[in-house]
PDB file of N, CA and C in Angstrom:
ATOM      1  N   UNK A   1      99.513 144.152 132.068  1.00  0.00           N
ATOM      2  CA  UNK A   1     100.285 144.354 131.588  1.00  0.00           C
ATOM      3  C   UNK A   1     100.974 145.487 132.599  1.00  0.00           C
ATOM      4  N   UNK A   2     102.568 144.955 132.602  1.00  0.00           N
ATOM      5  CA  UNK A   2     103.667 145.708 133.493  1.00  0.00           C
ATOM      6  C   UNK A   2     103.817 146.730 133.128  1.00  0.00           C
ATOM      7  N   UNK A   3     104.969 147.932 133.772  1.00  0.00           N
ATOM      8  CA  UNK A   3     105.560 148.872 133.324  1.00  0.00           C
ATOM      9  C   UNK A   3     106.383 148.765 132.205  1.00  0.00           C
ATOM     10  N   UNK A   4     107.097 147.508 132.489  1.00  0.00           N
ATOM     11  CA  UNK A   4     108.159 147.468 131.705  1.00  0.00           C
ATOM     12  C   UNK A   4     107.961 147.053 130.020  1.00  0.00           C
ATOM     13  N   UNK A   5     106.702 146.075 130.028  1.00  0.00           N
ATOM     14  CA  UNK A   5     106.167 145.787 128.925  1.00  0.00           C
ATOM     15  C   UNK A   5     105.733 146.911 127.989  1.00  0.00           C
ATOM     16  N   UNK A   6     105.065 147.651 128.721  1.00  0.00           N
ATOM     17  CA  UNK A   6     104.272 149.049 127.933  1.00  0.00           C
ATOM     18  C   UNK A   6     105.303 149.758 127.535  1.00  0.00           C
ATOM     19  N   UNK A   7     106.773 150.158 128.038  1.00  0.00           N
ATOM     20  CA  UNK A   7     107.455 150.968 127.992  1.00  0.00           C
ATOM     21  C   UNK A   7     108.294 150.694 126.673  1.00  0.00           C
ATOM     22  N   UNK A   8     108.526 149.224 126.519  1.00  0.00           N
ATOM     23  CA  UNK A   8     109.210 148.606 125.468  1.00  0.00           C
ATOM     24  C   UNK A   8     108.036 148.552 124.127  1.00  0.00           C
ATOM     25  N   UNK A   9     106.896 148.828 124.285  1.00  0.00           N
ATOM     26  CA  UNK A   9     105.793 148.956 123.291  1.00  0.00           C
ATOM     27  C   UNK A   9     105.858 150.232 122.770  1.00  0.00           C
ATOM     28  N   UNK A  10     106.016 151.262 123.575  1.00  0.00           N
ATOM     29  CA  UNK A  10     106.053 152.847 123.283  1.00  0.00           C
ATOM     30  C   UNK A  10     107.119 152.822 122.515  1.00  0.00           C
ATOM     31  N   UNK A  11     108.436 152.114 123.289  1.00  0.00           N
ATOM     32  CA  UNK A  11     109.819 152.413 122.470  1.00  0.00           C
ATOM     33  C   UNK A  11     109.458 151.785 121.268  1.00  0.00           C
ATOM     34  N   UNK A  12     108.933 150.829 120.764  1.00  0.00           N
ATOM     35  CA  UNK A  12     109.159 149.715 119.335  1.00  0.00           C
ATOM     36  C   UNK A  12     108.358 150.951 118.615  1.00  0.00           C
ATOM     37  N   UNK A  13     107.272 151.354 119.157  1.00  0.00           N
ATOM     38  CA  UNK A  13     106.250 152.242 118.392  1.00  0.00           C
ATOM     39  C   UNK A  13     106.951 153.393 117.810  1.00  0.00           C
ATOM     40  N   UNK A  14     107.723 154.146 118.901  1.00  0.00           N
ATOM     41  CA  UNK A  14     108.465 155.517 118.476  1.00  0.00           C
ATOM     42  C   UNK A  14     109.638 155.197 117.310  1.00  0.00           C
ATOM     43  N   UNK A  15     110.354 153.872 117.366  1.00  0.00           N
ATOM     44  CA  UNK A  15     110.982 153.429 116.666  1.00  0.00           C
ATOM     45  C   UNK A  15     110.406 153.223 114.960  1.00  0.00           C
ATOM     46  N   UNK A  16     109.732 152.677 115.148  1.00  0.00           N
ATOM     47  CA  UNK A  16     108.855 152.721 113.793  1.00  0.00           C
ATOM     48  C   UNK A  16     108.516 153.794 113.405  1.00  0.00           C
ATOM     49  N   UNK A  17     108.089 154.864 113.860  1.00  0.00           N
ATOM     50  CA  UNK A  17     107.582 155.968 113.617  1.00  0.00           C
ATOM     51  C   UNK A  17     108.745 157.035 113.047  1.00  0.00           C
ATOM     52  N   UNK A  18     109.802 156.869 113.877  1.00  0.00           N
ATOM     53  CA  UNK A  18     111.228 157.695 113.073  1.00  0.00           C
ATOM     54  C   UNK A  18     111.928 156.966 111.955  1.00  0.00           C
ATOM     55  N   UNK A  19     111.822 155.588 111.948  1.00  0.00           N
ATOM     56  CA  UNK A  19     112.368 154.772 110.743  1.00  0.00           C
ATOM     57  C   UNK A  19     111.267 155.211 109.435  1.00  0.00           C
ATOM     58  N   UNK A  20     109.982 155.467 109.629  1.00  0.00           N
ATOM     59  CA  UNK A  20     109.099 155.172 108.752  1.00  0.00           C
ATOM     60  C   UNK A  20     109.358 156.954 108.119  1.00  0.00           C
ATOM     61  N   UNK A  21     109.466 158.088 108.596  1.00  0.00           N
ATOM     62  CA  UNK A  21     109.747 159.344 108.354  1.00  0.00           C
ATOM     63  C   UNK A  21     110.932 159.880 107.662  1.00  0.00           C
ATOM     64  N   UNK A  22     112.286 158.992 108.097  1.00  0.00           N
ATOM     65  CA  UNK A  22     113.552 159.190 107.808  1.00  0.00           C
ATOM     66  C   UNK A  22     113.775 158.303 106.451  1.00  0.00           C
ATOM     67  N   UNK A  23     113.289 157.261 106.163  1.00  0.00           N
ATOM     68  CA  UNK A  23     113.474 156.359 104.716  1.00  0.00           C
ATOM     69  C   UNK A  23     112.926 157.107 103.536  1.00  0.00           C
ATOM     70  N   UNK A  24     113.893 156.924 102.364  1.00  0.00           N
ATOM     71  CA  UNK A  24     113.297 157.563 101.184  1.00  0.00           C
ATOM     72  C   UNK A  24     112.202 156.677 100.824  1.00  0.00           C
ATOM     73  N   UNK A  25     111.100 157.157  99.979  1.00  0.00           N
ATOM     74  CA  UNK A  25     110.288 156.872  99.286  1.00  0.00           C
ATOM     75  C   UNK A  25     110.607 156.393  98.037  1.00  0.00           C
ATOM     76  N   UNK A  26     110.132 155.399  97.159  1.00  0.00           N
ATOM     77  CA  UNK A  26     110.150 155.203  95.751  1.00  0.00           C
ATOM     78  C   UNK A  26     109.237 155.140  95.051  1.00  0.00           C
ATOM     79  N   UNK A  27     107.991 155.726  95.691  1.00  0.00           N
ATOM     80  CA  UNK A  27     106.796 155.488  94.849  1.00  0.00           C
ATOM     81  C   UNK A  27     106.572 156.633  93.919  1.00  0.00           C
ATOM     82  N   UNK A  28     105.791 156.565  93.046  1.00  0.00           N
ATOM     83  CA  UNK A  28     105.296 157.440  92.012  1.00  0.00           C
ATOM     84  C   UNK A  28     104.559 158.456  92.204  1.00  0.00           C
ATOM     85  N   UNK A  29     104.682 159.596  92.103  1.00  0.00           N
ATOM     86  CA  UNK A  29     103.596 160.870  92.454  1.00  0.00           C
ATOM     87  C   UNK A  29     102.339 160.855  91.565  1.00  0.00           C
ATOM     88  N   UNK A  30     103.044 161.089  90.604  1.00  0.00           N
ATOM     89  CA  UNK A  30     102.080 161.577  89.058  1.00  0.00           C
ATOM     90  C   UNK A  30     102.402 160.708  88.038  1.00  0.00           C
ATOM     91  N   UNK A  31     101.256 160.245  87.855  1.00  0.00           N
ATOM     92  CA  UNK A  31     101.257 159.540  86.182  1.00  0.00           C
ATOM     93  C   UNK A  31     101.502 160.135  84.955  1.00  0.00           C
ATOM     94  N   UNK A  32     102.178 160.137  84.111  1.00  0.00           N
ATOM     95  CA  UNK A  32     102.443 161.066  83.055  1.00  0.00           C
ATOM     96  C   UNK A  32     101.860 160.291  81.821  1.00  0.00           C
ATOM     97  N   UNK A  33     101.379 160.951  80.657  1.00  0.00           N
ATOM     98  CA  UNK A  33     101.237 160.143  79.672  1.00  0.00           C
ATOM     99  C   UNK A  33     101.030 161.678  78.555  1.00  0.00           C
ATOM    100  N   UNK A  34     102.222 161.914  78.286  1.00  0.00           N
ATOM    101  CA  UNK A  34     102.720 163.333  77.643  1.00  0.00           C
ATOM    102  C   UNK A  34     103.417 163.145  76.459  1.00  0.00           C
ATOM    103  N   UNK A  35     103.193 163.917  75.411  1.00  0.00           N
ATOM    104  CA  UNK A  35     104.132 164.122  74.119  1.00  0.00           C
ATOM    105  C   UNK A  35     105.514 164.671  74.707  1.00  0.00           C
ATOM    106  N   UNK A  36     106.653 164.669  74.564  1.00  0.00           N
ATOM    107  CA  UNK A  36     107.984 165.119  74.525  1.00  0.00           C
ATOM    108  C   UNK A  36     108.820 165.194  73.383  1.00  0.00           C
ATOM    109  N   UNK A  37     109.569 166.218  73.353  1.00  0.00           N
ATOM    110  CA  UNK A  37     111.016 166.565  72.196  1.00  0.00           C
ATOM    111  C   UNK A  37     111.856 165.627  72.720  1.00  0.00           C
ATOM    112  N   UNK A  38     112.600 164.976  72.169  1.00  0.00           N
ATOM    113  CA  UNK A  38     114.023 164.300  72.025  1.00  0.00           C
ATOM    114  C   UNK A  38     115.081 165.385  72.186  1.00  0.00           C
ATOM    115  N   UNK A  39     115.686 165.763  73.153  1.00  0.00           N
ATOM    116  CA  UNK A  39     116.761 166.936  73.246  1.00  0.00           C
ATOM    117  C   UNK A  39     118.481 166.009  73.068  1.00  0.00           C
ATOM    118  N   UNK A  40     118.537 164.924  73.754  1.00  0.00           N
ATOM    119  CA  UNK A  40     119.590 164.184  74.035  1.00  0.00           C
ATOM    120  C   UNK A  40     119.256 163.175  74.665  1.00  0.00           C
ATOM    121  N   UNK A  41     120.438 162.004  74.383  1.00  0.00           N
ATOM    122  CA  UNK A  41     120.139 160.636  75.163  1.00  0.00           C
ATOM    123  C   UNK A  41     121.511 160.368  75.844  1.00  0.00           C
ATOM    124  N   UNK A  42     121.420 159.684  76.757  1.00  0.00           N
ATOM    125  CA  UNK A  42     122.562 159.091  77.650  1.00  0.00           C
ATOM    126  C   UNK A  42     122.513 157.808  78.009  1.00  0.00           C
ATOM    127  N   UNK A  43     123.306 157.188  77.150  1.00  0.00           N
ATOM    128  CA  UNK A  43     123.413 155.656  77.006  1.00  0.00           C
ATOM    129  C   UNK A  43     123.829 154.998  78.350  1.00  0.00           C
ATOM    130  N   UNK A  44     124.982 155.681  78.808  1.00  0.00           N
ATOM    131  CA  UNK A  44     125.408 155.252  80.057  1.00  0.00           C
ATOM    132  C   UNK A  44     124.397 154.945  81.371  1.00  0.00           C
ATOM    133  N   UNK A  45     123.525 156.031  81.273  1.00  0.00           N
ATOM    134  CA  UNK A  45     122.748 156.316  82.564  1.00  0.00           C
ATOM    135  C   UNK A  45     121.159 155.765  81.767  1.00  0.00           C
ATOM    136  N   UNK A  46     121.291 154.988  80.956  1.00  0.00           N
ATOM    137  CA  UNK A  46     119.758 154.571  80.217  1.00  0.00           C
ATOM    138  C   UNK A  46     118.663 155.870  80.428  1.00  0.00           C
ATOM    139  N   UNK A  47     119.219 157.103  79.605  1.00  0.00           N
ATOM    140  CA  UNK A  47     117.950 158.125  79.815  1.00  0.00           C
ATOM    141  C   UNK A  47     117.757 159.031  78.732  1.00  0.00           C
ATOM    142  N   UNK A  48     116.960 159.542  78.627  1.00  0.00           N
ATOM    143  CA  UNK A  48     116.762 160.238  77.505  1.00  0.00           C
ATOM    144  C   UNK A  48     116.264 161.831  77.978  1.00  0.00           C
ATOM    145  N   UNK A  49     117.187 162.950  77.459  1.00  0.00           N
ATOM    146  CA  UNK A  49     116.709 164.230  77.965  1.00  0.00           C
ATOM    147  C   UNK A  49     115.539 164.767  77.246  1.00  0.00           C
ATOM    148  N   UNK A  50     114.666 165.076  77.699  1.00  0.00           N
ATOM    149  CA  UNK A  50     113.370 165.733  77.127  1.00  0.00           C
ATOM    150  C   UNK A  50     113.027 167.345  77.176  1.00  0.00           C
ATOM    151  N   UNK A  51     111.946 167.721  76.468  1.00  0.00           N
ATOM    152  CA  UNK A  51     111.318 168.997  76.552  1.00  0.00           C
ATOM    153  C   UNK A  51     110.194 168.812  76.142  1.00  0.00           C
ATOM    154  N   UNK A  52     109.241 169.655  76.330  1.00  0.00           N
ATOM    155  CA  UNK A  52     107.820 169.998  75.770  1.00  0.00           C
ATOM    156  C   UNK A  52     107.868 170.428  74.475  1.00  0.00           C
ATOM    157  N   UNK A  53     106.987 169.853  73.699  1.00  0.00           N
ATOM    158  CA  UNK A  53     107.020 170.224  72.123  1.00  0.00           C
ATOM    159  C   UNK A  53     106.926 171.743  71.837  1.00  0.00           C
ATOM    160  N   UNK A  54     106.460 172.717  72.402  1.00  0.00           N
ATOM    161  CA  UNK A  54     106.676 173.762  72.239  1.00  0.00           C
ATOM    162  C   UNK A  54     107.433 174.799  73.115  1.00  0.00           C
ATOM    163  N   UNK A  55     108.618 174.109  73.731  1.00  0.00           N
ATOM    164  CA  UNK A  55     109.776 174.755  74.089  1.00  0.00           C
ATOM    165  C   UNK A  55     110.913 174.863  73.391  1.00  0.00           C
ATOM    166  N   UNK A  56     111.973 174.973  74.057  1.00  0.00           N
ATOM    167  CA  UNK A  56     113.201 175.497  72.994  1.00  0.00           C
ATOM    168  C   UNK A  56     113.913 174.136  72.797  1.00  0.00           C
ATOM    169  N   UNK A  57     113.972 173.506  71.257  1.00  0.00           N
ATOM    170  CA  UNK A  57     114.071 172.311  71.014  1.00  0.00           C
ATOM    171  C   UNK A  57     115.505 171.734  71.324  1.00  0.00           C
ATOM    172  N   UNK A  58     116.541 172.528  71.657  1.00  0.00           N
ATOM    173  CA  UNK A  58     117.876 172.055  72.025  1.00  0.00           C
ATOM    174  C   UNK A  58     117.863 172.533  73.545  1.00  0.00           C
ATOM    175  N   UNK A  59     117.388 172.442  74.273  1.00  0.00           N
ATOM    176  CA  UNK A  59     117.267 172.958  75.748  1.00  0.00           C
ATOM    177  C   UNK A  59     116.484 171.705  76.568  1.00  0.00           C
ATOM    178  N   UNK A  60     117.359 171.056  77.423  1.00  0.00           N
ATOM    179  CA  UNK A  60     116.860 169.677  78.383  1.00  0.00           C
ATOM    180  C   UNK A  60     115.915 170.572  79.202  1.00  0.00           C
ATOM    181  N   UNK A  61     114.903 169.846  79.486  1.00  0.00           N
ATOM    182  CA  UNK A  61     114.074 170.256  80.589  1.00  0.00           C
ATOM    183  C   UNK A  61     113.994 168.994  81.722  1.00  0.00           C
ATOM    184  N   UNK A  62     114.221 167.916  81.376  1.00  0.00           N
ATOM    185  CA  UNK A  62     113.930 166.623  82.390  1.00  0.00           C
ATOM    186  C   UNK A  62     114.724 165.519  81.697  1.00  0.00           C
ATOM    187  N   UNK A  63     114.438 164.354  82.480  1.00  0.00           N
ATOM    188  CA  UNK A  63     115.143 163.105  82.218  1.00  0.00           C
ATOM    189  C   UNK A  63     113.811 162.187  81.994  1.00  0.00           C
ATOM    190  N   UNK A  64     114.091 161.178  81.100  1.00  0.00           N
ATOM    191  CA  UNK A  64     113.029 160.300  81.150  1.00  0.00           C
ATOM    192  C   UNK A  64     114.283 158.812  81.370  1.00  0.00           C
ATOM    193  N   UNK A  65     113.753 158.041  82.496  1.00  0.00           N
ATOM    194  CA  UNK A  65     114.865 157.001  82.357  1.00  0.00           C
ATOM    195  C   UNK A  65     114.058 155.772  82.088  1.00  0.00           C
ATOM    196  N   UNK A  66     115.012 154.782  81.790  1.00  0.00           N
ATOM    197  CA  UNK A  66     114.356 153.489  81.228  1.00  0.00           C
ATOM    198  C   UNK A  66     114.776 152.452  82.142  1.00  0.00           C
ATOM    199  N   UNK A  67     114.266 151.191  82.296  1.00  0.00           N
ATOM    200  CA  UNK A  67     114.640 150.196  82.613  1.00  0.00           C
ATOM    201  C   UNK A  67     114.311 149.103  82.058  1.00  0.00           C
ATOM    202  N   UNK A  68     114.600 147.783  82.666  1.00  0.00           N
ATOM    203  CA  UNK A  68     114.413 146.584  81.777  1.00  0.00           C
ATOM    204  C   UNK A  68     112.885 146.248  81.510  1.00  0.00           C
ATOM    205  N   UNK A  69     111.934 146.932  82.204  1.00  0.00           N
ATOM    206  CA  UNK A  69     110.395 146.608  81.704  1.00  0.00           C
ATOM    207  C   UNK A  69     110.134 147.810  80.939  1.00  0.00           C
ATOM    208  N   UNK A  70     110.903 148.633  80.407  1.00  0.00           N
ATOM    209  CA  UNK A  70     110.411 149.755  79.494  1.00  0.00           C
ATOM    210  C   UNK A  70     110.016 149.305  78.231  1.00  0.00           C
ATOM    211  N   UNK A  71     109.029 149.539  77.321  1.00  0.00           N
ATOM    212  CA  UNK A  71     108.705 148.811  76.344  1.00  0.00           C
ATOM    213  C   UNK A  71     108.461 149.951  75.312  1.00  0.00           C
ATOM    214  N   UNK A  72     109.263 149.691  74.182  1.00  0.00           N
ATOM    215  CA  UNK A  72     109.274 150.910  73.213  1.00  0.00           C
ATOM    216  C   UNK A  72     108.596 150.417  71.951  1.00  0.00           C
ATOM    217  N   UNK A  73     107.576 151.583  71.011  1.00  0.00           N
ATOM    218  CA  UNK A  73     107.250 151.073  69.869  1.00  0.00           C
ATOM    219  C   UNK A  73     107.362 152.145  68.847  1.00  0.00           C
ATOM    220  N   UNK A  74     107.115 152.307  67.641  1.00  0.00           N
ATOM    221  CA  UNK A  74     106.810 152.729  66.666  1.00  0.00           C
ATOM    222  C   UNK A  74     106.334 152.232  65.649  1.00  0.00           C
ATOM    223  N   UNK A  75     105.631 153.361  64.645  1.00  0.00           N
ATOM    224  CA  UNK A  75     104.700 152.626  63.465  1.00  0.00           C
ATOM    225  C   UNK A  75     105.500 152.800  62.502  1.00  0.00           C
ATOM    226  N   UNK A  76     105.497 151.660  61.549  1.00  0.00           N
ATOM    227  CA  UNK A  76     106.196 151.795  60.274  1.00  0.00           C
ATOM    228  C   UNK A  76     105.200 151.440  59.053  1.00  0.00           C
ATOM    229  N   UNK A  77     105.360 152.094  58.119  1.00  0.00           N
ATOM    230  CA  UNK A  77     104.578 152.163  56.930  1.00  0.00           C
ATOM    231  C   UNK A  77     105.410 150.978  55.771  1.00  0.00           C
ATOM    232  N   UNK A  78     104.210 149.787  55.602  1.00  0.00           N
ATOM    233  CA  UNK A  78     104.906 148.891  54.617  1.00  0.00           C
ATOM    234  C   UNK A  78     104.031 149.034  53.342  1.00  0.00           C
ATOM    235  N   UNK A  79     105.117 149.644  52.261  1.00  0.00           N
ATOM    236  CA  UNK A  79     104.072 149.994  51.334  1.00  0.00           C
ATOM    237  C   UNK A  79     103.414 148.826  50.081  1.00  0.00           C
ATOM    238  N   UNK A  80     104.525 147.892  50.267  1.00  0.00           N
ATOM    239  CA  UNK A  80     103.854 146.800  49.766  1.00  0.00           C
ATOM    240  C   UNK A  80     102.410 146.074  49.790  1.00  0.00           C
ATOM    241  N   UNK A  81     102.132 145.917  51.323  1.00  0.00           N
ATOM    242  CA  UNK A  81     100.930 145.506  51.883  1.00  0.00           C
ATOM    243  C   UNK A  81     100.108 146.761  52.133  1.00  0.00           C
ATOM    244  N   UNK A  82     100.325 148.005  52.352  1.00  0.00           N
ATOM    245  CA  UNK A  82      99.701 149.202  52.189  1.00  0.00           C
ATOM    246  C   UNK A  82      98.980 149.241  53.498  1.00  0.00           C
ATOM    247  N   UNK A  83      99.927 148.969  54.579  1.00  0.00           N
ATOM    248  CA  UNK A  83      99.410 148.671  55.812  1.00  0.00           C
ATOM    249  C   UNK A  83     100.471 149.403  56.484  1.00  0.00           C
ATOM    250  N   UNK A  84     100.152 149.444  58.033  1.00  0.00           N
ATOM    251  CA  UNK A  84     101.384 150.030  59.009  1.00  0.00           C
ATOM    252  C   UNK A  84     101.263 148.581  59.948  1.00  0.00           C
ATOM    253  N   UNK A  85     102.945 148.799  60.499  1.00  0.00           N
ATOM    254  CA  UNK A  85     102.999 147.742  61.669  1.00  0.00           C
ATOM    255  C   UNK A  85     103.721 148.131  62.573  1.00  0.00           C
ATOM    256  N   UNK A  86     103.498 148.204  63.832  1.00  0.00           N
ATOM    257  CA  UNK A  86     104.030 148.025  64.949  1.00  0.00           C
ATOM    258  C   UNK A  86     105.192 147.748  65.126  1.00  0.00           C
ATOM    259  N   UNK A  87     106.487 148.321  65.471  1.00  0.00           N
ATOM    260  CA  UNK A  87     107.670 147.742  65.690  1.00  0.00           C
ATOM    261  C   UNK A  87     108.272 147.855  67.125  1.00  0.00           C
ATOM    262  N   UNK A  88     107.869 146.663  67.808  1.00  0.00           N
ATOM    263  CA  UNK A  88     108.240 146.929  69.484  1.00  0.00           C
ATOM    264  C   UNK A  88     109.768 146.753  69.546  1.00  0.00           C
ATOM    265  N   UNK A  89     110.259 147.910  70.532  1.00  0.00           N
ATOM    266  CA  UNK A  89     111.533 147.817  71.043  1.00  0.00           C
ATOM    267  C   UNK A  89     111.939 147.586  72.169  1.00  0.00           C
ATOM    268  N   UNK A  90     113.235 147.127  72.120  1.00  0.00           N
ATOM    269  CA  UNK A  90     113.870 146.648  73.794  1.00  0.00           C
ATOM    270  C   UNK A  90     114.278 147.990  74.531  1.00  0.00           C
ATOM    271  N   UNK A  91     114.738 148.330  75.708  1.00  0.00           N
ATOM    272  CA  UNK A  91     115.088 149.342  76.292  1.00  0.00           C
ATOM    273  C   UNK A  91     116.321 149.801  75.445  1.00  0.00           C
ATOM    274  N   UNK A  92     117.467 149.043  74.742  1.00  0.00           N
ATOM    275  CA  UNK A  92     118.824 149.420  74.283  1.00  0.00           C
ATOM    276  C   UNK A  92     118.039 150.065  72.830  1.00  0.00           C
ATOM    277  N   UNK A  93     117.317 149.563  72.263  1.00  0.00           N
ATOM    278  CA  UNK A  93     116.635 149.847  70.952  1.00  0.00           C
ATOM    279  C   UNK A  93     115.982 151.375  71.348  1.00  0.00           C
ATOM    280  N   UNK A  94     115.372 151.347  72.184  1.00  0.00           N
ATOM    281  CA  UNK A  94     114.718 152.573  72.204  1.00  0.00           C
ATOM    282  C   UNK A  94     115.817 153.716  72.461  1.00  0.00           C
ATOM    283  N   UNK A  95     116.883 153.414  73.158  1.00  0.00           N
ATOM    284  CA  UNK A  95     117.820 154.406  73.381  1.00  0.00           C
ATOM    285  C   UNK A  95     118.665 154.670  71.924  1.00  0.00           C
ATOM    286  N   UNK A  96     118.951 153.614  71.061  1.00  0.00           N
ATOM    287  CA  UNK A  96     119.388 153.652  69.682  1.00  0.00           C
ATOM    288  C   UNK A  96     118.334 154.835  68.874  1.00  0.00           C
ATOM    289  N   UNK A  97     117.184 154.484  68.784  1.00  0.00           N
ATOM    290  CA  UNK A  97     116.363 155.175  67.899  1.00  0.00           C
ATOM    291  C   UNK A  97     115.945 156.602  68.230  1.00  0.00           C
ATOM    292  N   UNK A  98     115.976 156.775  69.925  1.00  0.00           N
ATOM    293  CA  UNK A  98     116.015 158.427  70.509  1.00  0.00           C
ATOM    294  C   UNK A  98     117.251 158.839  70.124  1.00  0.00           C
ATOM    295  N   UNK A  99     118.179 158.286  70.002  1.00  0.00           N
ATOM    296  CA  UNK A  99     119.404 158.815  69.376  1.00  0.00           C
ATOM    297  C   UNK A  99     119.499 159.360  67.920  1.00  0.00           C
ATOM    298  N   UNK A 100     118.929 158.556  67.148  1.00  0.00           N
ATOM    299  CA  UNK A 100     119.078 158.672  65.641  1.00  0.00           C
ATOM    300  C   UNK A 100     117.572 159.820  65.219  1.00  0.00           C
ATOM    301  N   UNK A 101     116.987 160.030  66.469  1.00  0.00           N
ATOM    302  CA  UNK A 101     115.490 160.844  65.789  1.00  0.00           C
ATOM    303  C   UNK A 101     115.703 162.012  67.057  1.00  0.00           C
ATOM    304  N   UNK A 102     116.781 162.535  67.358  1.00  0.00           N
ATOM    305  CA  UNK A 102     116.525 163.886  68.066  1.00  0.00           C
ATOM    306  C   UNK A 102     116.099 164.775  67.337  1.00  0.00           C
ATOM    307  N   UNK A 103     115.056 165.648  68.264  1.00  0.00           N
ATOM    308  CA  UNK A 103     114.383 166.878  67.511  1.00  0.00           C
ATOM    309  C   UNK A 103     113.137 166.336  67.523  1.00  0.00           C
ATOM    310  N   UNK A 104     112.375 164.920  67.559  1.00  0.00           N
ATOM    311  CA  UNK A 104     111.419 164.336  67.204  1.00  0.00           C
ATOM    312  C   UNK A 104     110.413 164.189  68.293  1.00  0.00           C
ATOM    313  N   UNK A 105     109.152 163.957  67.987  1.00  0.00           N
ATOM    314  CA  UNK A 105     108.421 163.984  69.096  1.00  0.00           C
ATOM    315  C   UNK A 105     108.358 162.523  69.583  1.00  0.00           C
ATOM    316  N   UNK A 106     108.342 162.159  70.921  1.00  0.00           N
ATOM    317  CA  UNK A 106     107.665 160.745  71.348  1.00  0.00           C
ATOM    318  C   UNK A 106     106.685 160.875  72.663  1.00  0.00           C
ATOM    319  N   UNK A 107     105.886 159.958  72.827  1.00  0.00           N
ATOM    320  CA  UNK A 107     104.764 160.014  73.629  1.00  0.00           C
ATOM    321  C   UNK A 107     105.331 158.771  75.192  1.00  0.00           C
ATOM    322  N   UNK A 108     105.228 159.283  76.069  1.00  0.00           N
ATOM    323  CA  UNK A 108     105.793 158.593  77.317  1.00  0.00           C
ATOM    324  C   UNK A 108     104.780 158.122  78.323  1.00  0.00           C
ATOM    325  N   UNK A 109     104.797 157.437  78.767  1.00  0.00           N
ATOM    326  CA  UNK A 109     103.829 156.814  79.478  1.00  0.00           C
ATOM    327  C   UNK A 109     104.573 156.312  80.739  1.00  0.00           C
ATOM    328  N   UNK A 110     104.194 156.928  81.886  1.00  0.00           N
ATOM    329  CA  UNK A 110     105.136 156.467  83.238  1.00  0.00           C
ATOM    330  C   UNK A 110     104.634 157.174  84.374  1.00  0.00           C
ATOM    331  N   UNK A 111     105.628 157.674  85.350  1.00  0.00           N
ATOM    332  CA  UNK A 111     105.236 158.077  86.391  1.00  0.00           C
ATOM    333  C   UNK A 111     106.343 158.820  86.585  1.00  0.00           C
ATOM    334  N   UNK A 112     106.021 160.045  87.846  1.00  0.00           N
ATOM    335  CA  UNK A 112     107.241 160.956  87.872  1.00  0.00           C
ATOM    336  C   UNK A 112     107.462 160.640  89.488  1.00  0.00           C
ATOM    337  N   UNK A 113     108.949 160.969  90.005  1.00  0.00           N
ATOM    338  CA  UNK A 113     109.353 160.525  90.988  1.00  0.00           C
ATOM    339  C   UNK A 113     109.590 161.588  91.913  1.00  0.00           C
ATOM    340  N   UNK A 114     110.212 161.828  93.183  1.00  0.00           N
ATOM    341  CA  UNK A 114     109.907 162.584  94.228  1.00  0.00           C
ATOM    342  C   UNK A 114     111.064 163.931  93.229  1.00  0.00           C
ATOM    343  N   UNK A 115     111.861 163.649  92.570  1.00  0.00           N
ATOM    344  CA  UNK A 115     112.917 164.720  92.030  1.00  0.00           C
ATOM    345  C   UNK A 115     112.147 165.222  90.939  1.00  0.00           C
ATOM    346  N   UNK A 116     111.367 164.871  90.331  1.00  0.00           N
ATOM    347  CA  UNK A 116     110.444 165.260  89.120  1.00  0.00           C
ATOM    348  C   UNK A 116     111.029 164.731  87.921  1.00  0.00           C
ATOM    349  N   UNK A 117     112.064 163.744  87.938  1.00  0.00           N
ATOM    350  CA  UNK A 117     112.096 162.813  86.606  1.00  0.00           C
ATOM    351  C   UNK A 117     111.213 161.853  86.137  1.00  0.00           C
ATOM    352  N   UNK A 118     111.088 161.472  85.158  1.00  0.00           N
ATOM    353  CA  UNK A 118     109.995 160.270  84.573  1.00  0.00           C
ATOM    354  C   UNK A 118     110.688 159.100  84.587  1.00  0.00           C
ATOM    355  N   UNK A 119     109.970 157.982  84.907  1.00  0.00           N
ATOM    356  CA  UNK A 119     110.312 156.453  84.768  1.00  0.00           C
ATOM    357  C   UNK A 119     109.573 156.221  84.011  1.00  0.00           C
ATOM    358  N   UNK A 120     109.850 155.455  82.923  1.00  0.00           N
ATOM    359  CA  UNK A 120     108.945 155.028  81.528  1.00  0.00           C
ATOM    360  C   UNK A 120     108.677 153.863  81.761  1.00  0.00           C
ATOM    361  N   UNK A 121     107.330 153.623  81.238  1.00  0.00           N
ATOM    362  CA  UNK A 121     106.913 152.314  81.299  1.00  0.00           C
ATOM    363  C   UNK A 121     106.625 152.098  79.910  1.00  0.00           C
ATOM    364  N   UNK A 122     106.312 153.106  79.182  1.00  0.00           N
ATOM    365  CA  UNK A 122     105.887 152.592  77.743  1.00  0.00           C
ATOM    366  C   UNK A 122     106.613 153.901  76.656  1.00  0.00           C
ATOM    367  N   UNK A 123     107.038 154.067  75.589  1.00  0.00           N
ATOM    368  CA  UNK A 123     107.629 155.111  74.856  1.00  0.00           C
ATOM    369  C   UNK A 123     107.237 154.745  73.413  1.00  0.00           C
ATOM    370  N   UNK A 124     106.248 155.566  72.844  1.00  0.00           N
ATOM    371  CA  UNK A 124     106.046 155.173  71.175  1.00  0.00           C
ATOM    372  C   UNK A 124     106.646 156.630  70.575  1.00  0.00           C
ATOM    373  N   UNK A 125     107.350 156.314  69.756  1.00  0.00           N
ATOM    374  CA  UNK A 125     108.208 157.221  68.850  1.00  0.00           C
ATOM    375  C   UNK A 125     106.814 157.596  67.339  1.00  0.00           C
ATOM    376  N   UNK A 126     106.831 158.949  67.347  1.00  0.00           N
ATOM    377  CA  UNK A 126     105.977 159.419  66.309  1.00  0.00           C
ATOM    378  C   UNK A 126     107.081 159.709  65.002  1.00  0.00           C
ATOM    379  N   UNK A 127     107.683 158.841  64.472  1.00  0.00           N
ATOM    380  CA  UNK A 127     108.571 159.145  63.341  1.00  0.00           C
ATOM    381  C   UNK A 127     108.166 158.717  62.025  1.00  0.00           C
TER     382      UNK A 127
END
């Protein structure tokens, strides 16, 4: 291997190292499976403002972001059948149910990103 090809290889490796450290990562750092209180709903940004259940009920602590893969549900009692039925919700319906049930508890499963916000995979409302 001559001197030119060796320098070219070192230059390529250096460029890859610089590019990998400068580009932002979209990986989820921590998995989340916790109950949160619904504080506010932002339909335009597809996000729900949340707080821990024991925190002040009108102060948002974080955001839960929804995307097209987010699934929602709640359990509904049917008196005639004396049974419960799980109702499955689309992301738009999740926002509407959250808006109608501010102050209530929901369970979020998903992951935290670098900024601390939560990307929801599933949301279950306890209404």
